[in-house]
Amino acid sequence: MKHSPLPWKVEERSYFDSTFPVIADSDGVVVNGAIEEGEGTALPDMRKEDADLIVRAVNTHEELVEVCEVFLESLHCYQKK
């Protein structure tokens, strides 16, 4: 199963007369949660700063993996000399 479409973003959503930060995919579908209502879910204990960190990590994951692979390849070439 493929993950939700990127990029993810932090949005404020209202649930049960309260507003919470949620993580939504590029289609606006909420990808985190514990409270179900409507088309998505919300996690009331999530702080916006935590949601921002998760979104940054997810959105840059592929690029980070590519950089690590290039580094490891370079390291292996260097070690063979």
C-alpha atoms as a PDB file:
ATOM      1  CA  MET A   1       0.000   0.000   0.000  1.00  0.00           C
ATOM      2  CA  LYS A   2       1.358   3.429  -0.944  1.00  0.00           C
ATOM      3  CA  HIS A   3       1.324   6.281   1.554  1.00  0.00           C
ATOM      4  CA  SER A   4      -0.952   9.299   1.184  1.00  0.00           C
ATOM      5  CA  PRO A   5       0.018  11.668  -1.650  1.00  0.00           C
ATOM      6  CA  LEU A   6       2.704  14.258  -0.954  1.00  0.00           C
ATOM      7  CA  PRO A   7       3.268  16.971  -0.046  1.00  0.00           C
ATOM      8  CA  TRP A   8       1.628  16.803   3.345  1.00  0.00           C
ATOM      9  CA  LYS A   9       0.626  19.996   5.144  1.00  0.00           C
ATOM     10  CA  VAL A  10      -0.557  21.110   8.565  1.00  0.00           C
ATOM     11  CA  GLU A  11      -4.092  22.458   8.673  1.00  0.00           C
ATOM     12  CA  GLU A  12      -6.353  23.662  11.433  1.00  0.00           C
ATOM     13  CA  ARG A  13      -9.618  21.713  11.542  1.00  0.00           C
ATOM     14  CA  SER A  14     -12.621  22.103  13.820  1.00  0.00           C
ATOM     15  CA  TYR A  15     -14.014  19.034  15.565  1.00  0.00           C
ATOM     16  CA  PHE A  16     -16.510  18.949  18.389  1.00  0.00           C
ATOM     17  CA  ASP A  17     -16.432  22.747  18.877  1.00  0.00           C
ATOM     18  CA  SER A  18     -12.611  22.807  19.146  1.00  0.00           C
ATOM     19  CA  THR A  19      -9.866  23.484  16.620  1.00  0.00           C
ATOM     20  CA  PHE A  20      -6.879  21.156  16.262  1.00  0.00           C
ATOM     21  CA  PRO A  21      -3.834  20.974  14.019  1.00  0.00           C
ATOM     22  CA  VAL A  22      -4.086  17.987  11.680  1.00  0.00           C
ATOM     23  CA  ILE A  23      -1.818  16.577   8.999  1.00  0.00           C
ATOM     24  CA  ALA A  24      -3.466  16.444   5.575  1.00  0.00           C
ATOM     25  CA  ASP A  25      -2.210  15.004   2.305  1.00  0.00           C
ATOM     26  CA  SER A  26      -2.096  16.916  -0.976  1.00  0.00           C
ATOM     27  CA  ASP A  27      -5.778  16.091  -1.544  1.00  0.00           C
ATOM     28  CA  GLY A  28      -6.765  17.569   1.834  1.00  0.00           C
ATOM     29  CA  VAL A  29      -7.483  14.175   3.401  1.00  0.00           C
ATOM     30  CA  VAL A  30      -6.395  13.984   7.049  1.00  0.00           C
ATOM     31  CA  VAL A  31      -3.682  11.328   7.533  1.00  0.00           C
ATOM     32  CA  ASN A  32      -3.379  11.324  11.341  1.00  0.00           C
ATOM     33  CA  GLY A  33      -5.967  10.978  13.999  1.00  0.00           C
ATOM     34  CA  ALA A  34      -7.781   9.526  16.910  1.00  0.00           C
ATOM     35  CA  ILE A  35     -11.203  11.222  16.795  1.00  0.00           C
ATOM     36  CA  GLU A  36     -13.363  10.373  13.803  1.00  0.00           C
ATOM     37  CA  GLU A  37     -15.764  12.887  12.353  1.00  0.00           C
ATOM     38  CA  GLY A  38     -16.730  13.645   8.793  1.00  0.00           C
ATOM     39  CA  GLU A  39     -14.174  12.865   6.090  1.00  0.00           C
ATOM     40  CA  GLY A  40     -11.106  12.704   8.355  1.00  0.00           C
ATOM     41  CA  THR A  41      -9.814  12.435  11.857  1.00  0.00           C
ATOM     42  CA  ALA A  42      -8.091  14.698  14.346  1.00  0.00           C
ATOM     43  CA  LEU A  43      -5.581  14.120  17.090  1.00  0.00           C
ATOM     44  CA  PRO A  44      -6.381  16.658  19.811  1.00  0.00           C
ATOM     45  CA  ASP A  45      -3.108  16.164  21.687  1.00  0.00           C
ATOM     46  CA  MET A  46      -0.946  17.046  18.688  1.00  0.00           C
ATOM     47  CA  ARG A  47       0.800  20.385  19.009  1.00  0.00           C
ATOM     48  CA  LYS A  48       1.283  22.426  15.861  1.00  0.00           C
ATOM     49  CA  GLU A  49       5.071  22.322  16.324  1.00  0.00           C
ATOM     50  CA  ASP A  50       4.996  18.513  16.374  1.00  0.00           C
ATOM     51  CA  ALA A  51       2.767  18.401  13.315  1.00  0.00           C
ATOM     52  CA  ASP A  52       5.129  20.793  11.491  1.00  0.00           C
ATOM     53  CA  LEU A  53       8.114  18.547  12.305  1.00  0.00           C
ATOM     54  CA  ILE A  54       6.323  15.417  11.066  1.00  0.00           C
ATOM     55  CA  VAL A  55       5.308  17.133   7.831  1.00  0.00           C
ATOM     56  CA  ARG A  56       8.856  18.417   7.202  1.00  0.00           C
ATOM     57  CA  ALA A  57      10.280  14.925   7.788  1.00  0.00           C
ATOM     58  CA  VAL A  58       7.768  13.211   5.512  1.00  0.00           C
ATOM     59  CA  ASN A  59       8.047  15.767   2.718  1.00  0.00           C
ATOM     60  CA  THR A  60      11.884  15.569   2.644  1.00  0.00           C
ATOM     61  CA  HIS A  61      12.241  11.815   3.258  1.00  0.00           C
ATOM     62  CA  GLU A  62      12.854  10.774  -0.372  1.00  0.00           C
ATOM     63  CA  GLU A  63      15.467  13.495  -0.880  1.00  0.00           C
ATOM     64  CA  LEU A  64      17.254  12.501   2.335  1.00  0.00           C
ATOM     65  CA  VAL A  65      17.337   8.831   1.283  1.00  0.00           C
ATOM     66  CA  GLU A  66      18.805   9.811  -2.108  1.00  0.00           C
ATOM     67  CA  VAL A  67      21.530  11.893  -0.447  1.00  0.00           C
ATOM     68  CA  CYS A  68      22.383   9.032   1.919  1.00  0.00           C
ATOM     69  CA  GLU A  69      22.596   6.579  -0.983  1.00  0.00           C
ATOM     70  CA  VAL A  70      24.977   8.885  -2.884  1.00  0.00           C
ATOM     71  CA  PHE A  71      27.084   9.325   0.255  1.00  0.00           C
ATOM     72  CA  LEU A  72      27.295   5.570   0.849  1.00  0.00           C
ATOM     73  CA  GLU A  73      28.217   4.947  -2.777  1.00  0.00           C
ATOM     74  CA  SER A  74      30.956   7.587  -2.541  1.00  0.00           C
ATOM     75  CA  LEU A  75      32.200   6.077   0.717  1.00  0.00           C
ATOM     76  CA  HIS A  76      32.405   2.600  -0.831  1.00  0.00           C
ATOM     77  CA  CYS A  77      34.353   3.983  -3.819  1.00  0.00           C
ATOM     78  CA  TYR A  78      36.756   5.767  -1.473  1.00  0.00           C
ATOM     79  CA  GLN A  79      37.294   2.645   0.651  1.00  0.00           C
ATOM     80  CA  LYS A  80      38.181   0.555  -2.437  1.00  0.00           C
ATOM     81  CA  LYS A  81      41.164   2.839  -3.227  1.00  0.00           C
END
